[in-house]
């Protein structure tokens, strides 16, 4: 089956690819300016590198007509933007986020042990070890997405967009939209869930780059965009 996107959508995606390529070209410069001893700088640089990689994946899927999987990439990019802004609210936030992988690993070990799927061999006091695991997890407990959005000024965008992106990721019937009544489902590429997300993709990419560059280069917090206005732009 040969699938070709409408010319207008192809042009929009081409513009997004050029924008993403420009940002990738700025990464080396940002890396030079990054203070490697500053956790906030590290979080921003690592997050932006991840964002442009996921954006490449988004574009590759969208260009092939896989709108729903492409939107899943946008959800990951949006979540990265939340962590970036939250990490700049205070230095302790960056420390929590930077060490969150440790907390997840400890949480995983704790669950495995509590379910009896593994034993704490040679531990002098297994119950004490379990309590210590719980204590370590609490040190780096991450806030909910709703809390992150409120604390970073992204509440409007979160309310408008996150439910749609989550629907794509979780497979709830919301992703079918008006096709649900007629059960118009198909495993083949289409354009249905591509164009509605192009503006969102642009907003996210520009904001992630702006947050990273403004902080690392100028030491300033990038202003939160007027999402209500941006969401209504053609």
C-alpha atoms as a PDB file:
ATOM      1  CA  UNK A   1       0.000   0.000   0.000  1.00  0.00           C
ATOM      2  CA  UNK A   2       1.477   3.332  -1.096  1.00  0.00           C
ATOM      3  CA  UNK A   3       0.708   6.186   1.293  1.00  0.00           C
ATOM      4  CA  UNK A   4       1.454   9.850   0.609  1.00  0.00           C
ATOM      5  CA  UNK A   5       0.684  12.662   3.007  1.00  0.00           C
ATOM      6  CA  UNK A   6      -1.009  15.827   1.713  1.00  0.00           C
ATOM      7  CA  UNK A   7       1.447  18.460   0.502  1.00  0.00           C
ATOM      8  CA  UNK A   8       0.503  20.922   3.271  1.00  0.00           C
ATOM      9  CA  UNK A   9       1.330  18.429   6.015  1.00  0.00           C
ATOM     10  CA  UNK A  10       4.581  17.445   4.289  1.00  0.00           C
ATOM     11  CA  UNK A  11       5.626  21.093   4.223  1.00  0.00           C
ATOM     12  CA  UNK A  12       4.793  21.545   7.901  1.00  0.00           C
ATOM     13  CA  UNK A  13       6.820  18.478   8.861  1.00  0.00           C
ATOM     14  CA  UNK A  14       9.708  19.655   6.695  1.00  0.00           C
ATOM     15  CA  UNK A  15       9.769  22.968   8.571  1.00  0.00           C
ATOM     16  CA  UNK A  16       9.783  21.117  11.893  1.00  0.00           C
ATOM     17  CA  UNK A  17      12.683  18.935  10.757  1.00  0.00           C
ATOM     18  CA  UNK A  18      14.705  22.005   9.793  1.00  0.00           C
ATOM     19  CA  UNK A  19      13.958  23.532  13.182  1.00  0.00           C
ATOM     20  CA  UNK A  20      15.056  20.369  14.983  1.00  0.00           C
ATOM     21  CA  UNK A  21      18.232  20.153  12.906  1.00  0.00           C
ATOM     22  CA  UNK A  22      19.077  23.751  13.822  1.00  0.00           C
ATOM     23  CA  UNK A  23      18.702  22.933  17.503  1.00  0.00           C
ATOM     24  CA  UNK A  24      20.893  19.832  17.143  1.00  0.00           C
ATOM     25  CA  UNK A  25      23.553  22.038  15.601  1.00  0.00           C
ATOM     26  CA  UNK A  26      23.399  24.269  18.700  1.00  0.00           C
ATOM     27  CA  UNK A  27      23.989  21.398  21.106  1.00  0.00           C
ATOM     28  CA  UNK A  28      27.783  21.450  20.805  1.00  0.00           C
ATOM     29  CA  UNK A  29      27.811  25.164  21.598  1.00  0.00           C
ATOM     30  CA  UNK A  30      25.521  24.635  24.588  1.00  0.00           C
ATOM     31  CA  UNK A  31      27.701  21.759  25.744  1.00  0.00           C
ATOM     32  CA  UNK A  32      30.747  24.068  25.740  1.00  0.00           C
ATOM     33  CA  UNK A  33      28.871  26.609  27.852  1.00  0.00           C
ATOM     34  CA  UNK A  34      27.508  24.027  30.286  1.00  0.00           C
ATOM     35  CA  UNK A  35      28.888  24.055  33.805  1.00  0.00           C
ATOM     36  CA  UNK A  36      29.577  20.368  34.367  1.00  0.00           C
ATOM     37  CA  UNK A  37      29.487  20.903  38.125  1.00  0.00           C
ATOM     38  CA  UNK A  38      25.988  22.380  37.998  1.00  0.00           C
ATOM     39  CA  UNK A  39      23.185  19.799  38.174  1.00  0.00           C
ATOM     40  CA  UNK A  40      20.672  22.213  36.659  1.00  0.00           C
ATOM     41  CA  UNK A  41      22.904  22.689  33.624  1.00  0.00           C
ATOM     42  CA  UNK A  42      23.368  18.935  33.324  1.00  0.00           C
ATOM     43  CA  UNK A  43      19.645  18.241  33.525  1.00  0.00           C
ATOM     44  CA  UNK A  44      18.946  20.797  30.796  1.00  0.00           C
ATOM     45  CA  UNK A  45      21.605  19.573  28.389  1.00  0.00           C
ATOM     46  CA  UNK A  46      20.749  15.893  28.849  1.00  0.00           C
ATOM     47  CA  UNK A  47      17.030  16.633  28.495  1.00  0.00           C
ATOM     48  CA  UNK A  48      17.429  18.721  25.340  1.00  0.00           C
ATOM     49  CA  UNK A  49      19.571  16.028  23.702  1.00  0.00           C
ATOM     50  CA  UNK A  50      16.825  13.535  24.504  1.00  0.00           C
ATOM     51  CA  UNK A  51      14.156  15.888  23.178  1.00  0.00           C
ATOM     52  CA  UNK A  52      15.760  16.300  19.749  1.00  0.00           C
ATOM     53  CA  UNK A  53      16.238  12.539  19.472  1.00  0.00           C
ATOM     54  CA  UNK A  54      12.584  11.905  20.319  1.00  0.00           C
ATOM     55  CA  UNK A  55      11.599  14.667  17.928  1.00  0.00           C
ATOM     56  CA  UNK A  56      13.431  12.870  15.132  1.00  0.00           C
ATOM     57  CA  UNK A  57      11.429   9.763  16.041  1.00  0.00           C
ATOM     58  CA  UNK A  58       8.213  11.825  16.030  1.00  0.00           C
ATOM     59  CA  UNK A  59       8.984  13.185  12.564  1.00  0.00           C
ATOM     60  CA  UNK A  60       9.905   9.780  11.183  1.00  0.00           C
ATOM     61  CA  UNK A  61       6.598   8.316  12.352  1.00  0.00           C
ATOM     62  CA  UNK A  62       4.503  11.289  11.254  1.00  0.00           C
ATOM     63  CA  UNK A  63       6.068  11.367   7.799  1.00  0.00           C
ATOM     64  CA  UNK A  64       5.073   7.726   7.336  1.00  0.00           C
ATOM     65  CA  UNK A  65       1.489   8.357   8.423  1.00  0.00           C
ATOM     66  CA  UNK A  66       1.710   6.834  11.893  1.00  0.00           C
ATOM     67  CA  UNK A  67       0.015   9.665  13.750  1.00  0.00           C
ATOM     68  CA  UNK A  68      -0.843   7.906  17.002  1.00  0.00           C
ATOM     69  CA  UNK A  69       2.668   6.508  17.682  1.00  0.00           C
ATOM     70  CA  UNK A  70       4.072   9.909  16.685  1.00  0.00           C
ATOM     71  CA  UNK A  71       1.912  11.593  19.321  1.00  0.00           C
ATOM     72  CA  UNK A  72       3.362   9.197  21.910  1.00  0.00           C
ATOM     73  CA  UNK A  73       6.753  10.748  21.191  1.00  0.00           C
ATOM     74  CA  UNK A  74       5.284  14.201  21.799  1.00  0.00           C
ATOM     75  CA  UNK A  75       4.050  13.079  25.185  1.00  0.00           C
ATOM     76  CA  UNK A  76       7.603  12.116  26.164  1.00  0.00           C
ATOM     77  CA  UNK A  77       8.866  15.475  24.893  1.00  0.00           C
ATOM     78  CA  UNK A  78       6.223  17.348  26.882  1.00  0.00           C
ATOM     79  CA  UNK A  79       7.138  15.427  30.027  1.00  0.00           C
ATOM     80  CA  UNK A  80      10.788  16.326  29.436  1.00  0.00           C
ATOM     81  CA  UNK A  81       9.770  19.994  29.235  1.00  0.00           C
ATOM     82  CA  UNK A  82       8.071  19.675  32.629  1.00  0.00           C
ATOM     83  CA  UNK A  83      11.205  18.213  34.204  1.00  0.00           C
ATOM     84  CA  UNK A  84      13.380  20.896  32.643  1.00  0.00           C
ATOM     85  CA  UNK A  85      11.313  23.756  34.039  1.00  0.00           C
ATOM     86  CA  UNK A  86      10.753  22.067  37.409  1.00  0.00           C
ATOM     87  CA  UNK A  87      14.491  21.487  37.814  1.00  0.00           C
ATOM     88  CA  UNK A  88      15.019  25.242  37.526  1.00  0.00           C
ATOM     89  CA  UNK A  89      12.518  26.181  40.236  1.00  0.00           C
ATOM     90  CA  UNK A  90      15.182  25.392  42.827  1.00  0.00           C
ATOM     91  CA  UNK A  91      18.473  23.512  42.864  1.00  0.00           C
ATOM     92  CA  UNK A  92      17.060  20.763  45.100  1.00  0.00           C
ATOM     93  CA  UNK A  93      14.569  19.878  42.356  1.00  0.00           C
ATOM     94  CA  UNK A  94      17.396  19.239  39.917  1.00  0.00           C
ATOM     95  CA  UNK A  95      19.039  16.978  42.476  1.00  0.00           C
ATOM     96  CA  UNK A  96      15.825  15.016  42.977  1.00  0.00           C
ATOM     97  CA  UNK A  97      15.280  14.600  39.249  1.00  0.00           C
ATOM     98  CA  UNK A  98      18.927  13.794  38.522  1.00  0.00           C
ATOM     99  CA  UNK A  99      18.854  11.044  41.143  1.00  0.00           C
ATOM    100  CA  UNK A 100      15.394   9.750  40.264  1.00  0.00           C
ATOM    101  CA  UNK A 101      16.878   6.766  38.438  1.00  0.00           C
ATOM    102  CA  UNK A 102      18.431   5.648  41.733  1.00  0.00           C
ATOM    103  CA  UNK A 103      15.066   5.921  43.432  1.00  0.00           C
ATOM    104  CA  UNK A 104      13.389   3.892  40.681  1.00  0.00           C
ATOM    105  CA  UNK A 105      16.029   1.178  40.990  1.00  0.00           C
ATOM    106  CA  UNK A 106      15.612   1.097  44.786  1.00  0.00           C
ATOM    107  CA  UNK A 107      11.809   1.032  44.407  1.00  0.00           C
ATOM    108  CA  UNK A 108      12.070  -1.888  42.009  1.00  0.00           C
ATOM    109  CA  UNK A 109      14.308  -3.820  44.412  1.00  0.00           C
ATOM    110  CA  UNK A 110      11.927  -3.056  47.268  1.00  0.00           C
ATOM    111  CA  UNK A 111       8.910  -4.419  45.372  1.00  0.00           C
ATOM    112  CA  UNK A 112      10.776  -7.535  44.304  1.00  0.00           C
ATOM    113  CA  UNK A 113      11.803  -8.222  47.890  1.00  0.00           C
ATOM    114  CA  UNK A 114       8.370  -7.462  49.387  1.00  0.00           C
ATOM    115  CA  UNK A 115       6.691  -9.883  46.976  1.00  0.00           C
ATOM    116  CA  UNK A 116       9.147 -12.604  47.861  1.00  0.00           C
ATOM    117  CA  UNK A 117      10.553 -12.737  44.334  1.00  0.00           C
ATOM    118  CA  UNK A 118      14.067 -12.353  45.740  1.00  0.00           C
ATOM    119  CA  UNK A 119      15.682 -12.836  49.127  1.00  0.00           C
ATOM    120  CA  UNK A 120      17.991 -10.523  51.043  1.00  0.00           C
ATOM    121  CA  UNK A 121      20.754 -13.034  51.616  1.00  0.00           C
ATOM    122  CA  UNK A 122      23.305 -12.402  54.332  1.00  0.00           C
ATOM    123  CA  UNK A 123      21.392  -9.315  55.523  1.00  0.00           C
ATOM    124  CA  UNK A 124      21.683  -9.024  59.348  1.00  0.00           C
ATOM    125  CA  UNK A 125      18.157  -7.620  59.595  1.00  0.00           C
ATOM    126  CA  UNK A 126      16.020  -8.017  56.438  1.00  0.00           C
ATOM    127  CA  UNK A 127      13.175  -5.903  57.834  1.00  0.00           C
ATOM    128  CA  UNK A 128      15.554  -3.057  58.589  1.00  0.00           C
ATOM    129  CA  UNK A 129      16.910  -3.241  55.041  1.00  0.00           C
ATOM    130  CA  UNK A 130      13.364  -2.977  53.685  1.00  0.00           C
ATOM    131  CA  UNK A 131      12.745   0.135  55.784  1.00  0.00           C
ATOM    132  CA  UNK A 132      16.014   1.665  54.592  1.00  0.00           C
ATOM    133  CA  UNK A 133      14.958   1.046  50.985  1.00  0.00           C
ATOM    134  CA  UNK A 134      11.667   2.876  51.588  1.00  0.00           C
ATOM    135  CA  UNK A 135      13.506   5.779  53.229  1.00  0.00           C
ATOM    136  CA  UNK A 136      15.851   6.158  50.262  1.00  0.00           C
ATOM    137  CA  UNK A 137      12.940   6.159  47.814  1.00  0.00           C
ATOM    138  CA  UNK A 138      11.213   8.972  49.729  1.00  0.00           C
ATOM    139  CA  UNK A 139      14.313  11.163  49.378  1.00  0.00           C
ATOM    140  CA  UNK A 140      13.857  11.304  45.637  1.00  0.00           C
ATOM    141  CA  UNK A 141      10.098  10.933  45.296  1.00  0.00           C
ATOM    142  CA  UNK A 142       8.951  12.659  42.125  1.00  0.00           C
ATOM    143  CA  UNK A 143       5.803  14.814  42.012  1.00  0.00           C
ATOM    144  CA  UNK A 144       2.805  13.958  39.864  1.00  0.00           C
ATOM    145  CA  UNK A 145       2.456  15.393  36.354  1.00  0.00           C
ATOM    146  CA  UNK A 146      -0.397  17.627  37.549  1.00  0.00           C
ATOM    147  CA  UNK A 147       1.756  19.011  40.364  1.00  0.00           C
ATOM    148  CA  UNK A 148       4.677  19.567  37.991  1.00  0.00           C
ATOM    149  CA  UNK A 149       2.456  21.500  35.596  1.00  0.00           C
ATOM    150  CA  UNK A 150       1.093  23.756  38.348  1.00  0.00           C
ATOM    151  CA  UNK A 151       4.515  24.471  39.835  1.00  0.00           C
ATOM    152  CA  UNK A 152       6.041  25.370  36.465  1.00  0.00           C
ATOM    153  CA  UNK A 153       3.240  27.515  35.048  1.00  0.00           C
ATOM    154  CA  UNK A 154       2.321  24.926  32.413  1.00  0.00           C
ATOM    155  CA  UNK A 155      -1.098  24.206  33.880  1.00  0.00           C
ATOM    156  CA  UNK A 156      -3.057  25.611  30.901  1.00  0.00           C
ATOM    157  CA  UNK A 157      -1.099  23.610  28.368  1.00  0.00           C
ATOM    158  CA  UNK A 158      -1.294  20.534  30.576  1.00  0.00           C
ATOM    159  CA  UNK A 159      -5.070  20.802  30.776  1.00  0.00           C
ATOM    160  CA  UNK A 160      -5.460  21.387  27.038  1.00  0.00           C
ATOM    161  CA  UNK A 161      -3.006  18.868  25.660  1.00  0.00           C
ATOM    162  CA  UNK A 162      -1.892  16.190  28.106  1.00  0.00           C
ATOM    163  CA  UNK A 163      -5.172  14.198  28.051  1.00  0.00           C
ATOM    164  CA  UNK A 164      -4.912  13.859  24.262  1.00  0.00           C
ATOM    165  CA  UNK A 165      -1.267  12.804  24.348  1.00  0.00           C
ATOM    166  CA  UNK A 166      -1.983  10.338  27.143  1.00  0.00           C
ATOM    167  CA  UNK A 167      -4.859   8.864  25.150  1.00  0.00           C
ATOM    168  CA  UNK A 168      -2.448   8.099  22.344  1.00  0.00           C
ATOM    169  CA  UNK A 169       0.002   6.435  24.723  1.00  0.00           C
ATOM    170  CA  UNK A 170      -2.497   4.487  26.806  1.00  0.00           C
ATOM    171  CA  UNK A 171      -4.676   3.379  23.919  1.00  0.00           C
ATOM    172  CA  UNK A 172      -7.913   4.782  25.359  1.00  0.00           C
ATOM    173  CA  UNK A 173     -10.692   5.172  22.800  1.00  0.00           C
ATOM    174  CA  UNK A 174     -10.216   8.936  22.831  1.00  0.00           C
ATOM    175  CA  UNK A 175      -7.536   8.504  20.157  1.00  0.00           C
ATOM    176  CA  UNK A 176     -10.215   7.363  17.694  1.00  0.00           C
ATOM    177  CA  UNK A 177     -12.135  10.627  17.969  1.00  0.00           C
ATOM    178  CA  UNK A 178     -15.053  10.826  15.554  1.00  0.00           C
ATOM    179  CA  UNK A 179     -14.053   7.494  14.032  1.00  0.00           C
ATOM    180  CA  UNK A 180     -15.276   5.680  17.142  1.00  0.00           C
ATOM    181  CA  UNK A 181     -18.968   5.746  16.207  1.00  0.00           C
ATOM    182  CA  UNK A 182     -18.362   4.122  12.839  1.00  0.00           C
ATOM    183  CA  UNK A 183     -15.539   1.908  14.112  1.00  0.00           C
ATOM    184  CA  UNK A 184     -13.320   3.165  11.308  1.00  0.00           C
ATOM    185  CA  UNK A 185     -10.167   1.414  12.368  1.00  0.00           C
ATOM    186  CA  UNK A 186      -7.254   0.411  10.200  1.00  0.00           C
ATOM    187  CA  UNK A 187      -3.680  -0.796  10.709  1.00  0.00           C
ATOM    188  CA  UNK A 188      -2.540   1.240   7.719  1.00  0.00           C
ATOM    189  CA  UNK A 189      -1.018   4.741   7.673  1.00  0.00           C
ATOM    190  CA  UNK A 190      -3.327   7.736   7.530  1.00  0.00           C
ATOM    191  CA  UNK A 191      -3.216  11.493   8.127  1.00  0.00           C
ATOM    192  CA  UNK A 192      -5.921  11.768  10.774  1.00  0.00           C
ATOM    193  CA  UNK A 193      -3.818  12.264  13.916  1.00  0.00           C
ATOM    194  CA  UNK A 194      -0.934  14.140  12.314  1.00  0.00           C
ATOM    195  CA  UNK A 195      -2.028  17.670  11.450  1.00  0.00           C
ATOM    196  CA  UNK A 196      -3.804  18.344  14.813  1.00  0.00           C
ATOM    197  CA  UNK A 197      -0.513  17.794  16.642  1.00  0.00           C
ATOM    198  CA  UNK A 198       1.855  19.750  14.406  1.00  0.00           C
ATOM    199  CA  UNK A 199       1.299  23.038  16.229  1.00  0.00           C
ATOM    200  CA  UNK A 200       1.769  21.278  19.568  1.00  0.00           C
ATOM    201  CA  UNK A 201       5.019  19.750  18.327  1.00  0.00           C
ATOM    202  CA  UNK A 202       6.342  23.154  17.289  1.00  0.00           C
ATOM    203  CA  UNK A 203       5.423  24.757  20.625  1.00  0.00           C
ATOM    204  CA  UNK A 204       7.141  21.985  22.605  1.00  0.00           C
ATOM    205  CA  UNK A 205      10.352  21.989  20.588  1.00  0.00           C
ATOM    206  CA  UNK A 206      10.745  25.770  20.698  1.00  0.00           C
ATOM    207  CA  UNK A 207      10.063  25.892  24.431  1.00  0.00           C
ATOM    208  CA  UNK A 208      12.481  23.078  25.340  1.00  0.00           C
ATOM    209  CA  UNK A 209      15.266  24.740  23.385  1.00  0.00           C
ATOM    210  CA  UNK A 210      14.427  28.154  24.842  1.00  0.00           C
ATOM    211  CA  UNK A 211      14.464  26.864  28.421  1.00  0.00           C
ATOM    212  CA  UNK A 212      17.857  25.221  27.928  1.00  0.00           C
ATOM    213  CA  UNK A 213      19.555  28.059  26.083  1.00  0.00           C
ATOM    214  CA  UNK A 214      18.222  30.942  28.183  1.00  0.00           C
ATOM    215  CA  UNK A 215      19.362  29.308  31.416  1.00  0.00           C
ATOM    216  CA  UNK A 216      22.758  28.012  30.310  1.00  0.00           C
ATOM    217  CA  UNK A 217      23.757  31.082  28.301  1.00  0.00           C
ATOM    218  CA  UNK A 218      22.012  33.917  30.151  1.00  0.00           C
ATOM    219  CA  UNK A 219      21.160  32.441  33.548  1.00  0.00           C
ATOM    220  CA  UNK A 220      17.521  33.383  32.978  1.00  0.00           C
ATOM    221  CA  UNK A 221      14.328  31.371  33.163  1.00  0.00           C
ATOM    222  CA  UNK A 222      12.665  31.213  29.749  1.00  0.00           C
ATOM    223  CA  UNK A 223       9.189  32.829  29.923  1.00  0.00           C
ATOM    224  CA  UNK A 224       6.238  30.464  29.877  1.00  0.00           C
ATOM    225  CA  UNK A 225       4.581  30.882  26.472  1.00  0.00           C
ATOM    226  CA  UNK A 226       0.998  32.071  26.130  1.00  0.00           C
ATOM    227  CA  UNK A 227      -0.293  28.607  25.331  1.00  0.00           C
ATOM    228  CA  UNK A 228      -3.899  29.710  24.943  1.00  0.00           C
ATOM    229  CA  UNK A 229      -2.847  32.039  22.149  1.00  0.00           C
ATOM    230  CA  UNK A 230      -0.393  29.631  20.556  1.00  0.00           C
ATOM    231  CA  UNK A 231      -2.889  26.773  20.507  1.00  0.00           C
ATOM    232  CA  UNK A 232      -5.287  28.821  18.383  1.00  0.00           C
ATOM    233  CA  UNK A 233      -2.683  29.833  15.820  1.00  0.00           C
ATOM    234  CA  UNK A 234      -2.939  28.217  12.362  1.00  0.00           C
END
